Amino acid sequence: MTGEHEDGLFFGCRFDRLNGLTLKDCDLNRSEFQTEKVRDALGFTLTLSCLSFRNVKFSALLFDLMLCLLSMSAGNDEKRAKLRDVVGAGRFDTLMRVLKGIE
């Protein structure tokens, strides 16, 4: 699936390639994001709301990638530093190298 979708109901759906996909104000209950490649995950836009996260399953890669992207923000220095430990130092460093290569 690609393109922009607004106020959609995606109950129990499976998403693999997310690049170019926008899900604005969508209900994703019991859906799964099974992305296994960083390039397939980047360029994905998701509304930050309960309907986007409640009962939604994210692949380990996508979950870790979101934490890595959060670590690139400013402020909350203490919390951001802990994200490396949550992801795992080796995996975190690898994902950050991949992200820098894509920028």
PDB file of N, CA and C in Angstrom:
ATOM      1  N   MET A   1       0.844  -1.165   0.000  1.00  0.00           N
ATOM      2  CA  MET A   1       0.000   0.000   0.000  1.00  0.00           C
ATOM      3  C   MET A   1       0.897   1.239   0.000  1.00  0.00           C
ATOM      4  N   THR A   2       0.524   2.226  -0.756  1.00  0.00           N
ATOM      5  CA  THR A   2       1.227   3.500  -0.781  1.00  0.00           C
ATOM      6  C   THR A   2       0.201   4.618  -0.808  1.00  0.00           C
ATOM      7  N   GLY A   3       0.684   5.831  -0.800  1.00  0.00           N
ATOM      8  CA  GLY A   3      -0.197   6.984  -0.902  1.00  0.00           C
ATOM      9  C   GLY A   3      -0.631   7.516   0.443  1.00  0.00           C
ATOM     10  N   GLU A   4      -1.550   8.450   0.383  1.00  0.00           N
ATOM     11  CA  GLU A   4      -2.055   9.102   1.591  1.00  0.00           C
ATOM     12  C   GLU A   4      -3.449   8.599   1.923  1.00  0.00           C
ATOM     13  N   HIS A   5      -3.631   8.244   3.189  1.00  0.00           N
ATOM     14  CA  HIS A   5      -4.918   7.738   3.666  1.00  0.00           C
ATOM     15  C   HIS A   5      -5.284   8.514   4.921  1.00  0.00           C
ATOM     16  N   GLU A   6      -6.512   9.000   4.964  1.00  0.00           N
ATOM     17  CA  GLU A   6      -6.955   9.808   6.103  1.00  0.00           C
ATOM     18  C   GLU A   6      -8.257   9.241   6.661  1.00  0.00           C
ATOM     19  N   ASP A   7      -8.313   9.157   7.987  1.00  0.00           N
ATOM     20  CA  ASP A   7      -9.502   8.670   8.705  1.00  0.00           C
ATOM     21  C   ASP A   7      -9.915   7.266   8.264  1.00  0.00           C
ATOM     22  N   GLY A   8      -8.939   6.450   7.885  1.00  0.00           N
ATOM     23  CA  GLY A   8      -9.245   5.095   7.445  1.00  0.00           C
ATOM     24  C   GLY A   8      -9.294   4.116   8.598  1.00  0.00           C
ATOM     25  N   LEU A   9     -10.008   3.035   8.390  1.00  0.00           N
ATOM     26  CA  LEU A   9     -10.070   1.951   9.360  1.00  0.00           C
ATOM     27  C   LEU A   9      -9.295   0.784   8.768  1.00  0.00           C
ATOM     28  N   PHE A  10      -8.188   0.432   9.398  1.00  0.00           N
ATOM     29  CA  PHE A  10      -7.337  -0.658   8.945  1.00  0.00           C
ATOM     30  C   PHE A  10      -7.268  -1.690  10.064  1.00  0.00           C
ATOM     31  N   PHE A  11      -8.324  -2.430  10.264  1.00  0.00           N
ATOM     32  CA  PHE A  11      -8.403  -3.403  11.343  1.00  0.00           C
ATOM     33  C   PHE A  11      -7.725  -4.700  10.904  1.00  0.00           C
ATOM     34  N   GLY A  12      -6.722  -5.120  11.680  1.00  0.00           N
ATOM     35  CA  GLY A  12      -6.061  -6.383  11.422  1.00  0.00           C
ATOM     36  C   GLY A  12      -5.282  -6.441  10.116  1.00  0.00           C
ATOM     37  N   CYS A  13      -4.793  -5.324   9.650  1.00  0.00           N
ATOM     38  CA  CYS A  13      -4.036  -5.293   8.391  1.00  0.00           C
ATOM     39  C   CYS A  13      -2.558  -5.552   8.634  1.00  0.00           C
ATOM     40  N   ARG A  14      -1.879  -5.965   7.564  1.00  0.00           N
ATOM     41  CA  ARG A  14      -0.427  -6.187   7.624  1.00  0.00           C
ATOM     42  C   ARG A  14       0.226  -5.243   6.622  1.00  0.00           C
ATOM     43  N   PHE A  15       1.212  -4.513   7.101  1.00  0.00           N
ATOM     44  CA  PHE A  15       1.949  -3.570   6.270  1.00  0.00           C
ATOM     45  C   PHE A  15       3.414  -4.004   6.238  1.00  0.00           C
ATOM     46  N   ASP A  16       3.984  -4.113   5.039  1.00  0.00           N
ATOM     47  CA  ASP A  16       5.375  -4.530   4.904  1.00  0.00           C
ATOM     48  C   ASP A  16       6.265  -3.376   4.445  1.00  0.00           C
ATOM     49  N   ARG A  17       5.951  -2.779   3.344  1.00  0.00           N
ATOM     50  CA  ARG A  17       6.734  -1.667   2.813  1.00  0.00           C
ATOM     51  C   ARG A  17       5.998  -0.372   3.131  1.00  0.00           C
ATOM     52  N   LEU A  18       6.665   0.495   3.858  1.00  0.00           N
ATOM     53  CA  LEU A  18       6.009   1.704   4.344  1.00  0.00           C
ATOM     54  C   LEU A  18       6.450   2.965   3.623  1.00  0.00           C
ATOM     55  N   ASN A  19       7.533   2.899   2.885  1.00  0.00           N
ATOM     56  CA  ASN A  19       8.070   4.071   2.207  1.00  0.00           C
ATOM     57  C   ASN A  19       6.999   4.706   1.321  1.00  0.00           C
ATOM     58  N   GLY A  20       6.740   5.998   1.536  1.00  0.00           N
ATOM     59  CA  GLY A  20       5.750   6.718   0.748  1.00  0.00           C
ATOM     60  C   GLY A  20       4.327   6.581   1.260  1.00  0.00           C
ATOM     61  N   LEU A  21       4.140   5.910   2.375  1.00  0.00           N
ATOM     62  CA  LEU A  21       2.805   5.711   2.944  1.00  0.00           C
ATOM     63  C   LEU A  21       2.530   6.742   4.026  1.00  0.00           C
ATOM     64  N   THR A  22       1.360   7.367   3.958  1.00  0.00           N
ATOM     65  CA  THR A  22       0.905   8.291   4.991  1.00  0.00           C
ATOM     66  C   THR A  22      -0.418   7.781   5.543  1.00  0.00           C
ATOM     67  N   LEU A  23      -0.461   7.577   6.856  1.00  0.00           N
ATOM     68  CA  LEU A  23      -1.680   7.159   7.543  1.00  0.00           C
ATOM     69  C   LEU A  23      -2.038   8.253   8.538  1.00  0.00           C
ATOM     70  N   LYS A  24      -2.917   9.144   8.112  1.00  0.00           N
ATOM     71  CA  LYS A  24      -3.289  10.297   8.937  1.00  0.00           C
ATOM     72  C   LYS A  24      -4.622  10.015   9.631  1.00  0.00           C
ATOM     73  N   ASP A  25      -4.580  10.083  10.956  1.00  0.00           N
ATOM     74  CA  ASP A  25      -5.784   9.894  11.778  1.00  0.00           C
ATOM     75  C   ASP A  25      -6.498   8.578  11.470  1.00  0.00           C
ATOM     76  N   CYS A  26      -5.740   7.534  11.226  1.00  0.00           N
ATOM     77  CA  CYS A  26      -6.312   6.225  10.910  1.00  0.00           C
ATOM     78  C   CYS A  26      -6.372   5.341  12.158  1.00  0.00           C
ATOM     79  N   ASP A  27      -7.360   4.475  12.190  1.00  0.00           N
ATOM     80  CA  ASP A  27      -7.502   3.487  13.257  1.00  0.00           C
ATOM     81  C   ASP A  27      -6.809   2.214  12.778  1.00  0.00           C
ATOM     82  N   LEU A  28      -5.751   1.822  13.455  1.00  0.00           N
ATOM     83  CA  LEU A  28      -4.923   0.696  13.035  1.00  0.00           C
ATOM     84  C   LEU A  28      -5.037  -0.502  13.974  1.00  0.00           C
ATOM     85  N   ASN A  29      -6.105  -0.586  14.721  1.00  0.00           N
ATOM     86  CA  ASN A  29      -6.290  -1.613  15.738  1.00  0.00           C
ATOM     87  C   ASN A  29      -5.977  -3.017  15.196  1.00  0.00           C
ATOM     88  N   ARG A  30      -5.129  -3.718  15.930  1.00  0.00           N
ATOM     89  CA  ARG A  30      -4.723  -5.090  15.630  1.00  0.00           C
ATOM     90  C   ARG A  30      -3.983  -5.242  14.303  1.00  0.00           C
ATOM     91  N   SER A  31      -3.456  -4.164  13.778  1.00  0.00           N
ATOM     92  CA  SER A  31      -2.654  -4.242  12.556  1.00  0.00           C
ATOM     93  C   SER A  31      -1.207  -4.536  12.897  1.00  0.00           C
ATOM     94  N   GLU A  32      -0.429  -4.930  11.880  1.00  0.00           N
ATOM     95  CA  GLU A  32       0.972  -5.264  12.066  1.00  0.00           C
ATOM     96  C   GLU A  32       1.823  -4.536  11.031  1.00  0.00           C
ATOM     97  N   PHE A  33       2.932  -3.993  11.498  1.00  0.00           N
ATOM     98  CA  PHE A  33       3.928  -3.382  10.622  1.00  0.00           C
ATOM     99  C   PHE A  33       5.138  -4.299  10.665  1.00  0.00           C
ATOM    100  N   GLN A  34       5.363  -5.050   9.607  1.00  0.00           N
ATOM    101  CA  GLN A  34       6.399  -6.076   9.596  1.00  0.00           C
ATOM    102  C   GLN A  34       7.605  -5.694   8.741  1.00  0.00           C
ATOM    103  N   THR A  35       7.880  -4.440   8.637  1.00  0.00           N
ATOM    104  CA  THR A  35       9.004  -3.943   7.843  1.00  0.00           C
ATOM    105  C   THR A  35      10.320  -4.511   8.353  1.00  0.00           C
ATOM    106  N   GLU A  36      11.138  -5.014   7.440  1.00  0.00           N
ATOM    107  CA  GLU A  36      12.417  -5.611   7.824  1.00  0.00           C
ATOM    108  C   GLU A  36      13.622  -4.900   7.220  1.00  0.00           C
ATOM    109  N   LYS A  37      13.386  -3.841   6.438  1.00  0.00           N
ATOM    110  CA  LYS A  37      14.479  -3.078   5.830  1.00  0.00           C
ATOM    111  C   LYS A  37      14.305  -1.605   6.172  1.00  0.00           C
ATOM    112  N   VAL A  38      15.401  -0.961   6.563  1.00  0.00           N
ATOM    113  CA  VAL A  38      15.345   0.451   6.950  1.00  0.00           C
ATOM    114  C   VAL A  38      14.803   1.295   5.803  1.00  0.00           C
ATOM    115  N   ARG A  39      15.258   1.040   4.596  1.00  0.00           N
ATOM    116  CA  ARG A  39      14.799   1.831   3.443  1.00  0.00           C
ATOM    117  C   ARG A  39      13.300   1.702   3.204  1.00  0.00           C
ATOM    118  N   ASP A  40      12.716   0.563   3.571  1.00  0.00           N
ATOM    119  CA  ASP A  40      11.271   0.382   3.430  1.00  0.00           C
ATOM    120  C   ASP A  40      10.486   1.109   4.515  1.00  0.00           C
ATOM    121  N   ALA A  41      11.172   1.514   5.575  1.00  0.00           N
ATOM    122  CA  ALA A  41      10.497   2.175   6.694  1.00  0.00           C
ATOM    123  C   ALA A  41      10.551   3.703   6.583  1.00  0.00           C
ATOM    124  N   LEU A  42      11.615   4.228   6.010  1.00  0.00           N
ATOM    125  CA  LEU A  42      11.770   5.686   5.947  1.00  0.00           C
ATOM    126  C   LEU A  42      10.809   6.290   4.923  1.00  0.00           C
ATOM    127  N   GLY A  43      10.354   7.491   5.199  1.00  0.00           N
ATOM    128  CA  GLY A  43       9.378   8.137   4.336  1.00  0.00           C
ATOM    129  C   GLY A  43       7.953   7.767   4.710  1.00  0.00           C
ATOM    130  N   PHE A  44       7.795   7.117   5.834  1.00  0.00           N
ATOM    131  CA  PHE A  44       6.492   6.699   6.355  1.00  0.00           C
ATOM    132  C   PHE A  44       5.996   7.761   7.328  1.00  0.00           C
ATOM    133  N   THR A  45       4.741   8.170   7.179  1.00  0.00           N
ATOM    134  CA  THR A  45       4.152   9.176   8.059  1.00  0.00           C
ATOM    135  C   THR A  45       2.960   8.562   8.781  1.00  0.00           C
ATOM    136  N   LEU A  46       2.956   8.718  10.098  1.00  0.00           N
ATOM    137  CA  LEU A  46       1.926   8.137  10.950  1.00  0.00           C
ATOM    138  C   LEU A  46       1.498   9.171  11.978  1.00  0.00           C
ATOM    139  N   THR A  47       0.213   9.361  12.138  1.00  0.00           N
ATOM    140  CA  THR A  47      -0.281  10.289  13.143  1.00  0.00           C
ATOM    141  C   THR A  47       0.047   9.767  14.535  1.00  0.00           C
ATOM    142  N   LEU A  48       0.554  10.641  15.366  1.00  0.00           N
ATOM    143  CA  LEU A  48       0.883  10.296  16.740  1.00  0.00           C
ATOM    144  C   LEU A  48      -0.402  10.363  17.571  1.00  0.00           C
ATOM    145  N   SER A  49      -1.078   9.218  17.699  1.00  0.00           N
ATOM    146  CA  SER A  49      -2.317   9.163  18.473  1.00  0.00           C
ATOM    147  C   SER A  49      -2.511   7.750  19.010  1.00  0.00           C
ATOM    148  N   CYS A  50      -3.418   7.596  19.938  1.00  0.00           N
ATOM    149  CA  CYS A  50      -3.685   6.273  20.518  1.00  0.00           C
ATOM    150  C   CYS A  50      -4.143   5.282  19.448  1.00  0.00           C
ATOM    151  N   LEU A  51      -4.931   5.749  18.484  1.00  0.00           N
ATOM    152  CA  LEU A  51      -5.438   4.852  17.443  1.00  0.00           C
ATOM    153  C   LEU A  51      -4.331   4.318  16.543  1.00  0.00           C
ATOM    154  N   SER A  52      -3.187   5.001  16.534  1.00  0.00           N
ATOM    155  CA  SER A  52      -2.058   4.552  15.719  1.00  0.00           C
ATOM    156  C   SER A  52      -1.186   3.530  16.439  1.00  0.00           C
ATOM    157  N   PHE A  53      -1.359   3.393  17.750  1.00  0.00           N
ATOM    158  CA  PHE A  53      -0.463   2.539  18.523  1.00  0.00           C
ATOM    159  C   PHE A  53      -1.157   1.455  19.349  1.00  0.00           C
ATOM    160  N   ARG A  54      -2.360   1.678  19.793  1.00  0.00           N
ATOM    161  CA  ARG A  54      -3.039   0.706  20.661  1.00  0.00           C
ATOM    162  C   ARG A  54      -3.287  -0.595  19.905  1.00  0.00           C
ATOM    163  N   ASN A  55      -2.799  -1.691  20.459  1.00  0.00           N
ATOM    164  CA  ASN A  55      -2.956  -3.037  19.881  1.00  0.00           C
ATOM    165  C   ASN A  55      -2.320  -3.192  18.503  1.00  0.00           C
ATOM    166  N   VAL A  56      -1.347  -2.350  18.205  1.00  0.00           N
ATOM    167  CA  VAL A  56      -0.636  -2.428  16.923  1.00  0.00           C
ATOM    168  C   VAL A  56       0.720  -3.079  17.165  1.00  0.00           C
ATOM    169  N   LYS A  57       1.087  -4.020  16.305  1.00  0.00           N
ATOM    170  CA  LYS A  57       2.358  -4.719  16.443  1.00  0.00           C
ATOM    171  C   LYS A  57       3.368  -4.124  15.452  1.00  0.00           C
ATOM    172  N   PHE A  58       4.527  -3.727  15.975  1.00  0.00           N
ATOM    173  CA  PHE A  58       5.603  -3.196  15.158  1.00  0.00           C
ATOM    174  C   PHE A  58       6.742  -4.203  15.129  1.00  0.00           C
ATOM    175  N   SER A  59       7.333  -4.420  13.949  1.00  0.00           N
ATOM    176  CA  SER A  59       8.490  -5.312  13.866  1.00  0.00           C
ATOM    177  C   SER A  59       9.585  -4.772  14.772  1.00  0.00           C
ATOM    178  N   ALA A  60      10.495  -5.653  15.170  1.00  0.00           N
ATOM    179  CA  ALA A  60      11.611  -5.231  16.024  1.00  0.00           C
ATOM    180  C   ALA A  60      12.411  -4.122  15.351  1.00  0.00           C
ATOM    181  N   LEU A  61      12.626  -4.241  14.042  1.00  0.00           N
ATOM    182  CA  LEU A  61      13.377  -3.210  13.328  1.00  0.00           C
ATOM    183  C   LEU A  61      12.666  -1.867  13.390  1.00  0.00           C
ATOM    184  N   LEU A  62      11.381  -1.851  13.093  1.00  0.00           N
ATOM    185  CA  LEU A  62      10.649  -0.584  13.084  1.00  0.00           C
ATOM    186  C   LEU A  62      10.591   0.033  14.478  1.00  0.00           C
ATOM    187  N   PHE A  63      10.391  -0.793  15.493  1.00  0.00           N
ATOM    188  CA  PHE A  63      10.359  -0.303  16.870  1.00  0.00           C
ATOM    189  C   PHE A  63      11.707   0.321  17.241  1.00  0.00           C
ATOM    190  N   ASP A  64      12.789  -0.402  16.951  1.00  0.00           N
ATOM    191  CA  ASP A  64      14.124   0.111  17.260  1.00  0.00           C
ATOM    192  C   ASP A  64      14.444   1.354  16.439  1.00  0.00           C
ATOM    193  N   LEU A  65      14.008   1.377  15.198  1.00  0.00           N
ATOM    194  CA  LEU A  65      14.244   2.535  14.344  1.00  0.00           C
ATOM    195  C   LEU A  65      13.553   3.780  14.901  1.00  0.00           C
ATOM    196  N   MET A  66      12.334   3.620  15.408  1.00  0.00           N
ATOM    197  CA  MET A  66      11.636   4.759  16.013  1.00  0.00           C
ATOM    198  C   MET A  66      12.400   5.276  17.229  1.00  0.00           C
ATOM    199  N   LEU A  67      12.956   4.371  18.023  1.00  0.00           N
ATOM    200  CA  LEU A  67      13.739   4.793  19.187  1.00  0.00           C
ATOM    201  C   LEU A  67      15.021   5.504  18.748  1.00  0.00           C
ATOM    202  N   CYS A  68      15.658   5.012  17.702  1.00  0.00           N
ATOM    203  CA  CYS A  68      16.864   5.673  17.182  1.00  0.00           C
ATOM    204  C   CYS A  68      16.541   7.077  16.677  1.00  0.00           C
ATOM    205  N   LEU A  69      15.437   7.204  15.968  1.00  0.00           N
ATOM    206  CA  LEU A  69      15.045   8.529  15.472  1.00  0.00           C
ATOM    207  C   LEU A  69      14.742   9.477  16.632  1.00  0.00           C
ATOM    208  N   LEU A  70      14.099   8.970  17.676  1.00  0.00           N
ATOM    209  CA  LEU A  70      13.851   9.792  18.861  1.00  0.00           C
ATOM    210  C   LEU A  70      15.160  10.246  19.501  1.00  0.00           C
ATOM    211  N   SER A  71      16.162   9.397  19.459  1.00  0.00           N
ATOM    212  CA  SER A  71      17.447   9.752  20.069  1.00  0.00           C
ATOM    213  C   SER A  71      18.142  10.884  19.324  1.00  0.00           C
ATOM    214  N   MET A  72      17.731  11.153  18.096  1.00  0.00           N
ATOM    215  CA  MET A  72      18.333  12.222  17.298  1.00  0.00           C
ATOM    216  C   MET A  72      17.732  13.594  17.625  1.00  0.00           C
ATOM    217  N   SER A  73      16.685  13.609  18.420  1.00  0.00           N
ATOM    218  CA  SER A  73      16.042  14.868  18.779  1.00  0.00           C
ATOM    219  C   SER A  73      16.902  15.642  19.783  1.00  0.00           C
ATOM    220  N   ALA A  74      16.448  16.822  20.151  1.00  0.00           N
ATOM    221  CA  ALA A  74      17.159  17.655  21.133  1.00  0.00           C
ATOM    222  C   ALA A  74      16.389  17.648  22.455  1.00  0.00           C
ATOM    223  N   GLY A  75      17.097  17.947  23.537  1.00  0.00           N
ATOM    224  CA  GLY A  75      16.467  17.963  24.858  1.00  0.00           C
ATOM    225  C   GLY A  75      16.323  16.553  25.409  1.00  0.00           C
ATOM    226  N   ASN A  76      15.805  16.437  26.583  1.00  0.00           N
ATOM    227  CA  ASN A  76      15.614  15.142  27.237  1.00  0.00           C
ATOM    228  C   ASN A  76      16.872  14.282  27.156  1.00  0.00           C
ATOM    229  N   ASP A  77      18.007  14.907  27.397  1.00  0.00           N
ATOM    230  CA  ASP A  77      19.301  14.249  27.200  1.00  0.00           C
ATOM    231  C   ASP A  77      19.432  12.930  27.959  1.00  0.00           C
ATOM    232  N   GLU A  78      18.998  12.915  29.185  1.00  0.00           N
ATOM    233  CA  GLU A  78      19.129  11.715  30.012  1.00  0.00           C
ATOM    234  C   GLU A  78      18.301  10.559  29.435  1.00  0.00           C
ATOM    235  N   LYS A  79      17.084  10.843  29.039  1.00  0.00           N
ATOM    236  CA  LYS A  79      16.213   9.810  28.477  1.00  0.00           C
ATOM    237  C   LYS A  79      16.736   9.341  27.122  1.00  0.00           C
ATOM    238  N   ARG A  80      17.183  10.285  26.293  1.00  0.00           N
ATOM    239  CA  ARG A  80      17.705   9.909  24.979  1.00  0.00           C
ATOM    240  C   ARG A  80      18.925   9.006  25.108  1.00  0.00           C
ATOM    241  N   ALA A  81      19.771   9.254  26.085  1.00  0.00           N
ATOM    242  CA  ALA A  81      20.964   8.433  26.295  1.00  0.00           C
ATOM    243  C   ALA A  81      20.586   6.992  26.649  1.00  0.00           C
ATOM    244  N   LYS A  82      19.484   6.802  27.327  1.00  0.00           N
ATOM    245  CA  LYS A  82      19.042   5.462  27.719  1.00  0.00           C
ATOM    246  C   LYS A  82      18.488   4.656  26.547  1.00  0.00           C
ATOM    247  N   LEU A  83      18.084   5.334  25.487  1.00  0.00           N
ATOM    248  CA  LEU A  83      17.526   4.628  24.339  1.00  0.00           C
ATOM    249  C   LEU A  83      18.546   3.693  23.694  1.00  0.00           C
ATOM    250  N   ARG A  84      19.815   4.069  23.735  1.00  0.00           N
ATOM    251  CA  ARG A  84      20.874   3.218  23.187  1.00  0.00           C
ATOM    252  C   ARG A  84      20.907   1.879  23.913  1.00  0.00           C
ATOM    253  N   ASP A  85      20.730   1.918  25.234  1.00  0.00           N
ATOM    254  CA  ASP A  85      20.710   0.683  26.010  1.00  0.00           C
ATOM    255  C   ASP A  85      19.450  -0.138  25.736  1.00  0.00           C
ATOM    256  N   VAL A  86      18.347   0.539  25.530  1.00  0.00           N
ATOM    257  CA  VAL A  86      17.090  -0.161  25.258  1.00  0.00           C
ATOM    258  C   VAL A  86      17.189  -0.925  23.940  1.00  0.00           C
ATOM    259  N   VAL A  87      17.719  -0.277  22.918  1.00  0.00           N
ATOM    260  CA  VAL A  87      17.863  -0.910  21.608  1.00  0.00           C
ATOM    261  C   VAL A  87      18.967  -1.962  21.638  1.00  0.00           C
ATOM    262  N   GLY A  88      19.994  -1.716  22.416  1.00  0.00           N
ATOM    263  CA  GLY A  88      21.190  -2.568  22.439  1.00  0.00           C
ATOM    264  C   GLY A  88      22.292  -1.812  21.715  1.00  0.00           C
ATOM    265  N   ALA A  89      23.423  -1.672  22.349  1.00  0.00           N
ATOM    266  CA  ALA A  89      24.497  -0.810  21.841  1.00  0.00           C
ATOM    267  C   ALA A  89      24.901  -1.151  20.412  1.00  0.00           C
ATOM    268  N   GLY A  90      25.124  -2.417  20.131  1.00  0.00           N
ATOM    269  CA  GLY A  90      25.564  -2.808  18.793  1.00  0.00           C
ATOM    270  C   GLY A  90      24.533  -2.516  17.728  1.00  0.00           C
ATOM    271  N   ARG A  91      23.294  -2.908  17.992  1.00  0.00           N
ATOM    272  CA  ARG A  91      22.208  -2.667  17.022  1.00  0.00           C
ATOM    273  C   ARG A  91      21.969  -1.167  16.862  1.00  0.00           C
ATOM    274  N   PHE A  92      22.003  -0.433  17.965  1.00  0.00           N
ATOM    275  CA  PHE A  92      21.799   1.011  17.925  1.00  0.00           C
ATOM    276  C   PHE A  92      22.859   1.663  17.029  1.00  0.00           C
ATOM    277  N   ASP A  93      24.114   1.321  17.255  1.00  0.00           N
ATOM    278  CA  ASP A  93      25.200   1.906  16.466  1.00  0.00           C
ATOM    279  C   ASP A  93      25.063   1.558  14.988  1.00  0.00           C
ATOM    280  N   THR A  94      24.673   0.333  14.690  1.00  0.00           N
ATOM    281  CA  THR A  94      24.480  -0.091  13.301  1.00  0.00           C
ATOM    282  C   THR A  94      23.354   0.699  12.643  1.00  0.00           C
ATOM    283  N   LEU A  95      22.225   0.807  13.331  1.00  0.00           N
ATOM    284  CA  LEU A  95      21.088   1.554  12.773  1.00  0.00           C
ATOM    285  C   LEU A  95      21.435   3.034  12.577  1.00  0.00           C
ATOM    286  N   MET A  96      22.176   3.613  13.515  1.00  0.00           N
ATOM    287  CA  MET A  96      22.550   5.020  13.384  1.00  0.00           C
ATOM    288  C   MET A  96      23.486   5.219  12.189  1.00  0.00           C
ATOM    289  N   ARG A  97      24.399   4.265  11.930  1.00  0.00           N
ATOM    290  CA  ARG A  97      25.278   4.351  10.757  1.00  0.00           C
ATOM    291  C   ARG A  97      24.459   4.284   9.477  1.00  0.00           C
ATOM    292  N   VAL A  98      23.474   3.390   9.444  1.00  0.00           N
ATOM    293  CA  VAL A  98      22.609   3.269   8.271  1.00  0.00           C
ATOM    294  C   VAL A  98      21.841   4.561   8.057  1.00  0.00           C
ATOM    295  N   LEU A  99      21.293   5.128   9.124  1.00  0.00           N
ATOM    296  CA  LEU A  99      20.543   6.389   9.003  1.00  0.00           C
ATOM    297  C   LEU A  99      21.429   7.522   8.501  1.00  0.00           C
ATOM    298  N   LYS A 100      22.652   7.612   9.004  1.00  0.00           N
ATOM    299  CA  LYS A 100      23.569   8.656   8.544  1.00  0.00           C
ATOM    300  C   LYS A 100      23.905   8.474   7.061  1.00  0.00           C
ATOM    301  N   GLY A 101      24.002   7.242   6.618  1.00  0.00           N
ATOM    302  CA  GLY A 101      24.291   6.969   5.222  1.00  0.00           C
ATOM    303  C   GLY A 101      23.150   7.324   4.296  1.00  0.00           C
ATOM    304  N   ILE A 102      21.941   7.323   4.829  1.00  0.00           N
ATOM    305  CA  ILE A 102      20.751   7.634   4.024  1.00  0.00           C
ATOM    306  C   ILE A 102      20.486   9.139   3.956  1.00  0.00           C
ATOM    307  N   GLU A 103      20.908   9.868   4.999  1.00  0.00           N
ATOM    308  CA  GLU A 103      20.641  11.316   5.042  1.00  0.00           C
ATOM    309  C   GLU A 103      21.109  11.930   3.816  1.00  0.00           C
TER     310      GLU A 103
END
